[in-house]
């Protein structure tokens, strides 16, 4: 019988410069690196100076922060029926907003991916996504509250637009990052643009798309708690009322409930991502 043993493939030899580079865990930056570090340092100093960042002010404010936390203890759970109802409403807003927002973001991503969209559509779609991403969700919520009235429906519409702006770009970049070889093979075999997307882009990008969708849902749950501040449904309005009435125990109970909810969703998302990977 012939032996099936094969010799391992020999790795290409490294030249002297690459060998020296790999043997040194740290290398002194060159002229371009020094310039980049200097520019970054100037940018950080300019930002801290212009924004009023001060460690001294933070140290002076720590006792006041401690006093605020002391007043929040102990939490009072006597209104948990109201809190649970509003938390359920918050999750419902996030589910509907994420579902519709993810579907619309996927459609937008087909036009915002440079490897599958024509140049004019790519430029137009990227511009729209940039505009949507630049507007805070609270502005969308205020706009929809004035249009459809108070309540969770306005919050859902705000979540949808906010989702398109934030996750549409990530979907598009996931599609752009897929290997080009399978796409070129499909094009060479006469596949249409739709077939290239269906059989080449989506199968390769789907793990990232699902992961980003789960991340979007987690963010929308947190975002929905804030939209209630402007009357767009969810737990945010109850939290705002507790703060205005100085009902610290009730406010702390709401915060604890939100933390538990977000933690549960985070762990569930992690399990789903683990299964997919």
Protein backbone atom coordinates (compact mmCIF):
# COMPACT_ATOMS: atom_id res chain seq x y z
CA UNK A 1 0.00 0.00 0.00
CA UNK A 2 1.20 3.46 -0.78
CA UNK A 3 1.87 5.74 2.09
CA UNK A 4 -0.57 8.60 2.46
CA UNK A 5 1.86 10.72 4.48
CA UNK A 6 2.51 14.11 2.95
CA UNK A 7 5.17 16.57 3.87
CA UNK A 8 3.93 19.83 5.38
CA UNK A 9 4.04 22.79 3.04
CA UNK A 10 7.10 24.92 3.57
CA UNK A 11 6.37 28.49 4.62
CA UNK A 12 7.92 31.25 2.55
CA UNK A 13 11.17 32.60 3.95
CA UNK A 14 11.10 36.01 5.59
CA UNK A 15 13.49 38.70 4.58
CA UNK A 16 15.66 40.44 7.17
CA UNK A 17 13.37 43.46 7.56
CA UNK A 18 10.27 41.34 8.27
CA UNK A 19 12.24 39.15 10.70
CA UNK A 20 13.37 42.20 12.65
CA UNK A 21 9.86 43.64 12.68
CA UNK A 22 8.36 40.43 14.09
CA UNK A 23 11.11 40.02 16.69
CA UNK A 24 10.37 43.41 18.26
CA UNK A 25 7.10 43.62 20.25
CA UNK A 26 7.25 47.41 20.19
CA UNK A 27 8.75 49.71 17.62
CA UNK A 28 9.37 53.40 17.88
CA UNK A 29 7.01 55.33 15.59
CA UNK A 30 8.39 56.88 12.46
CA UNK A 31 7.88 60.48 11.34
CA UNK A 32 4.31 59.84 10.17
CA UNK A 33 3.49 58.04 13.43
CA UNK A 34 4.87 60.92 15.50
CA UNK A 35 2.76 63.39 13.52
CA UNK A 36 -0.34 61.23 14.01
CA UNK A 37 0.27 61.00 17.78
CA UNK A 38 0.78 64.76 17.98
CA UNK A 39 -2.42 65.45 16.05
CA UNK A 40 -4.36 63.04 18.28
CA UNK A 41 -2.96 64.66 21.43
CA UNK A 42 -3.88 68.14 20.19
CA UNK A 43 -7.39 66.94 19.31
CA UNK A 44 -7.88 65.43 22.78
CA UNK A 45 -6.58 68.58 24.52
CA UNK A 46 -8.78 70.81 22.35
CA UNK A 47 -11.83 68.65 23.06
CA UNK A 48 -11.24 68.54 26.82
CA UNK A 49 -10.59 72.29 26.99
CA UNK A 50 -13.61 73.22 24.89
CA UNK A 51 -16.02 70.86 26.64
CA UNK A 52 -15.08 71.97 30.13
CA UNK A 53 -13.75 68.58 31.22
CA UNK A 54 -12.37 68.88 34.75
CA UNK A 55 -11.29 66.16 37.16
CA UNK A 56 -11.38 68.72 39.97
CA UNK A 57 -15.05 69.49 39.36
CA UNK A 58 -15.77 65.77 39.26
CA UNK A 59 -14.01 65.23 42.58
CA UNK A 60 -15.93 68.16 44.11
CA UNK A 61 -19.23 66.70 42.86
CA UNK A 62 -18.72 63.17 44.16
CA UNK A 63 -20.22 63.91 47.62
CA UNK A 64 -23.35 65.31 45.95
CA UNK A 65 -23.61 62.21 43.78
CA UNK A 66 -23.32 60.07 46.89
CA UNK A 67 -26.06 62.07 48.60
CA UNK A 68 -28.31 61.59 45.55
CA UNK A 69 -27.75 57.83 45.62
CA UNK A 70 -28.47 57.69 49.35
CA UNK A 71 -31.83 59.38 48.80
CA UNK A 72 -32.73 56.70 46.23
CA UNK A 73 -32.42 53.96 48.83
CA UNK A 74 -34.43 51.90 49.52
CA UNK A 75 -36.33 51.26 46.29
CA UNK A 76 -40.10 51.09 46.61
CA UNK A 77 -41.87 48.43 44.58
CA UNK A 78 -45.44 49.32 45.54
CA UNK A 79 -46.22 50.42 41.95
CA UNK A 80 -44.71 47.41 40.22
CA UNK A 81 -47.94 46.66 38.36
CA UNK A 82 -47.62 50.02 36.59
CA UNK A 83 -43.90 49.52 36.01
CA UNK A 84 -44.36 46.04 34.52
CA UNK A 85 -47.13 47.25 32.20
CA UNK A 86 -44.94 50.10 30.94
CA UNK A 87 -41.92 47.82 30.58
CA UNK A 88 -44.04 45.45 28.48
CA UNK A 89 -45.12 48.43 26.36
CA UNK A 90 -41.47 49.44 25.98
CA UNK A 91 -40.52 45.96 24.75
CA UNK A 92 -43.49 45.93 22.36
CA UNK A 93 -42.37 49.25 20.89
CA UNK A 94 -38.84 47.92 20.46
CA UNK A 95 -40.03 44.68 18.81
CA UNK A 96 -42.26 46.39 16.25
CA UNK A 97 -39.81 49.22 15.62
CA UNK A 98 -36.88 46.83 15.22
CA UNK A 99 -38.77 44.49 12.87
CA UNK A 100 -39.97 47.20 10.51
CA UNK A 101 -36.77 49.22 10.86
CA UNK A 102 -34.59 46.18 10.10
CA UNK A 103 -36.59 45.29 6.99
CA UNK A 104 -36.42 48.85 5.67
CA UNK A 105 -32.73 49.03 6.60
CA UNK A 106 -32.08 45.86 4.59
CA UNK A 107 -33.74 47.40 1.55
CA UNK A 108 -31.71 50.57 2.01
CA UNK A 109 -28.52 48.55 2.42
CA UNK A 110 -28.92 47.08 -1.07
CA UNK A 111 -28.60 50.61 -2.40
CA UNK A 112 -25.85 51.64 0.03
CA UNK A 113 -23.46 48.75 -0.70
CA UNK A 114 -20.90 49.80 -3.29
CA UNK A 115 -20.27 46.26 -4.52
CA UNK A 116 -23.86 45.68 -5.67
CA UNK A 117 -25.43 49.12 -6.23
CA UNK A 118 -24.81 51.51 -9.13
CA UNK A 119 -22.86 54.65 -8.26
CA UNK A 120 -25.83 57.05 -8.43
CA UNK A 121 -27.98 54.86 -6.14
CA UNK A 122 -25.07 54.33 -3.74
CA UNK A 123 -24.47 58.08 -3.41
CA UNK A 124 -28.17 58.87 -2.97
CA UNK A 125 -28.81 56.13 -0.40
CA UNK A 126 -25.72 56.93 1.63
CA UNK A 127 -26.78 60.56 1.75
CA UNK A 128 -30.24 59.63 3.05
CA UNK A 129 -28.75 57.35 5.69
CA UNK A 130 -26.37 60.11 6.78
CA UNK A 131 -29.28 62.51 7.23
CA UNK A 132 -31.32 60.00 9.25
CA UNK A 133 -28.33 59.10 11.39
CA UNK A 134 -27.61 62.76 12.15
CA UNK A 135 -31.05 63.45 13.67
CA UNK A 136 -31.56 62.30 17.30
CA UNK A 137 -34.41 59.90 17.99
CA UNK A 138 -35.96 62.43 20.38
CA UNK A 139 -36.41 64.85 17.46
CA UNK A 140 -38.18 62.13 15.49
CA UNK A 141 -40.31 61.37 18.56
CA UNK A 142 -41.31 65.02 18.97
CA UNK A 143 -42.20 65.22 15.28
CA UNK A 144 -44.38 62.11 15.42
CA UNK A 145 -46.00 63.11 18.72
CA UNK A 146 -47.14 66.31 17.02
CA UNK A 147 -48.33 64.30 14.02
CA UNK A 148 -50.10 61.26 15.54
CA UNK A 149 -50.45 62.31 19.19
CA UNK A 150 -49.06 61.00 22.45
CA UNK A 151 -48.48 57.31 22.97
CA UNK A 152 -46.36 54.37 21.86
CA UNK A 153 -47.25 54.65 18.15
CA UNK A 154 -45.24 57.86 17.90
CA UNK A 155 -42.36 56.10 19.64
CA UNK A 156 -42.52 53.18 17.21
CA UNK A 157 -42.30 55.52 14.23
CA UNK A 158 -39.31 57.29 15.81
CA UNK A 159 -37.59 53.94 16.45
CA UNK A 160 -38.14 52.91 12.82
CA UNK A 161 -36.49 56.02 11.39
CA UNK A 162 -33.69 55.89 13.93
CA UNK A 163 -33.09 52.22 13.12
CA UNK A 164 -32.80 52.88 9.40
CA UNK A 165 -30.21 55.57 9.96
CA UNK A 166 -28.08 53.56 12.38
CA UNK A 167 -28.30 49.97 11.19
CA UNK A 168 -28.71 50.58 7.45
CA UNK A 169 -25.07 51.68 7.20
CA UNK A 170 -23.91 48.63 9.16
CA UNK A 171 -25.93 46.30 6.93
CA UNK A 172 -24.39 47.90 3.86
CA UNK A 173 -20.86 47.59 5.21
CA UNK A 174 -21.51 43.93 6.04
CA UNK A 175 -22.47 43.35 2.43
CA UNK A 176 -19.42 45.25 1.20
CA UNK A 177 -17.12 43.11 3.34
CA UNK A 178 -18.08 39.77 1.75
CA UNK A 179 -15.39 38.11 -0.44
CA UNK A 180 -15.61 39.21 -4.07
CA UNK A 181 -14.58 35.88 -5.62
CA UNK A 182 -18.01 34.19 -5.30
CA UNK A 183 -19.71 37.32 -6.61
CA UNK A 184 -17.39 37.48 -9.63
CA UNK A 185 -18.02 33.80 -10.30
CA UNK A 186 -21.77 34.37 -10.30
CA UNK A 187 -21.44 37.37 -12.62
CA UNK A 188 -19.19 35.39 -14.96
CA UNK A 189 -21.81 32.65 -15.16
CA UNK A 190 -24.42 35.17 -16.29
CA UNK A 191 -26.23 35.74 -12.97
CA UNK A 192 -28.40 38.84 -12.69
CA UNK A 193 -27.89 41.46 -9.99
CA UNK A 194 -30.73 39.97 -7.96
CA UNK A 195 -29.22 36.48 -8.17
CA UNK A 196 -25.82 37.80 -7.11
CA UNK A 197 -27.47 39.35 -4.04
CA UNK A 198 -29.55 36.26 -3.27
CA UNK A 199 -26.92 33.57 -3.76
CA UNK A 200 -23.69 35.48 -3.18
CA UNK A 201 -24.13 38.45 -0.86
CA UNK A 202 -26.86 37.44 1.59
CA UNK A 203 -25.54 33.94 2.48
CA UNK A 204 -22.12 35.37 3.31
CA UNK A 205 -23.37 38.46 5.15
CA UNK A 206 -26.27 36.83 7.02
CA UNK A 207 -24.37 36.07 10.29
CA UNK A 208 -23.36 39.72 10.61
CA UNK A 209 -26.83 40.91 9.62
CA UNK A 210 -28.46 38.80 12.35
CA UNK A 211 -25.90 39.93 14.92
CA UNK A 212 -26.45 43.58 14.06
CA UNK A 213 -30.22 43.10 14.23
CA UNK A 214 -29.97 41.69 17.75
CA UNK A 215 -27.72 44.58 18.72
CA UNK A 216 -30.26 46.97 17.21
CA UNK A 217 -33.05 45.42 19.28
CA UNK A 218 -31.05 45.85 22.49
CA UNK A 219 -30.39 49.48 21.62
CA UNK A 220 -34.03 50.09 20.75
CA UNK A 221 -35.16 48.75 24.12
CA UNK A 222 -32.88 51.26 25.83
CA UNK A 223 -33.91 53.97 23.39
CA UNK A 224 -37.61 53.31 23.97
CA UNK A 225 -37.14 54.02 27.68
CA UNK A 226 -35.94 57.52 26.74
CA UNK A 227 -38.65 58.32 24.19
CA UNK A 228 -41.22 58.41 26.96
CA UNK A 229 -39.60 61.64 28.15
CA UNK A 230 -41.40 63.44 25.31
CA UNK A 231 -44.64 61.46 25.57
CA UNK A 232 -43.82 58.79 22.99
CA UNK A 233 -44.83 55.85 25.17
CA UNK A 234 -42.84 53.42 27.24
CA UNK A 235 -41.43 53.58 30.75
CA UNK A 236 -39.67 56.91 30.20
CA UNK A 237 -42.65 59.07 31.11
CA UNK A 238 -43.13 57.28 34.43
CA UNK A 239 -39.42 57.68 35.15
CA UNK A 240 -39.62 61.40 34.35
CA UNK A 241 -42.64 61.88 36.62
CA UNK A 242 -40.84 60.11 39.47
CA UNK A 243 -37.86 62.42 39.04
CA UNK A 244 -40.03 65.56 38.94
CA UNK A 245 -41.97 64.51 42.06
CA UNK A 246 -38.74 63.59 43.90
CA UNK A 247 -40.12 60.08 44.37
CA UNK A 248 -36.63 58.61 44.62
CA UNK A 249 -37.65 55.16 45.81
CA UNK A 250 -40.03 54.68 42.91
CA UNK A 251 -37.42 56.07 40.50
CA UNK A 252 -34.83 53.59 41.79
CA UNK A 253 -37.32 50.73 41.39
CA UNK A 254 -37.88 51.75 37.77
CA UNK A 255 -34.12 51.91 37.14
CA UNK A 256 -33.63 48.46 38.66
CA UNK A 257 -36.43 47.08 36.49
CA UNK A 258 -34.89 48.58 33.35
CA UNK A 259 -31.47 47.14 34.24
CA UNK A 260 -32.97 43.67 34.77
CA UNK A 261 -34.87 43.87 31.48
CA UNK A 262 -31.84 44.99 29.47
CA UNK A 263 -29.67 42.31 31.12
CA UNK A 264 -32.15 39.55 30.24
CA UNK A 265 -32.35 40.73 26.64
CA UNK A 266 -28.57 40.96 26.45
CA UNK A 267 -28.12 37.38 27.69
CA UNK A 268 -30.79 36.07 25.33
CA UNK A 269 -29.13 37.86 22.41
CA UNK A 270 -25.75 36.44 23.41
CA UNK A 271 -27.19 32.91 23.36
CA UNK A 272 -28.69 33.45 19.91
CA UNK A 273 -25.40 34.85 18.57
CA UNK A 274 -23.54 31.87 20.06
CA UNK A 275 -25.87 29.44 18.32
CA UNK A 276 -25.42 31.25 15.02
CA UNK A 277 -21.64 31.26 15.31
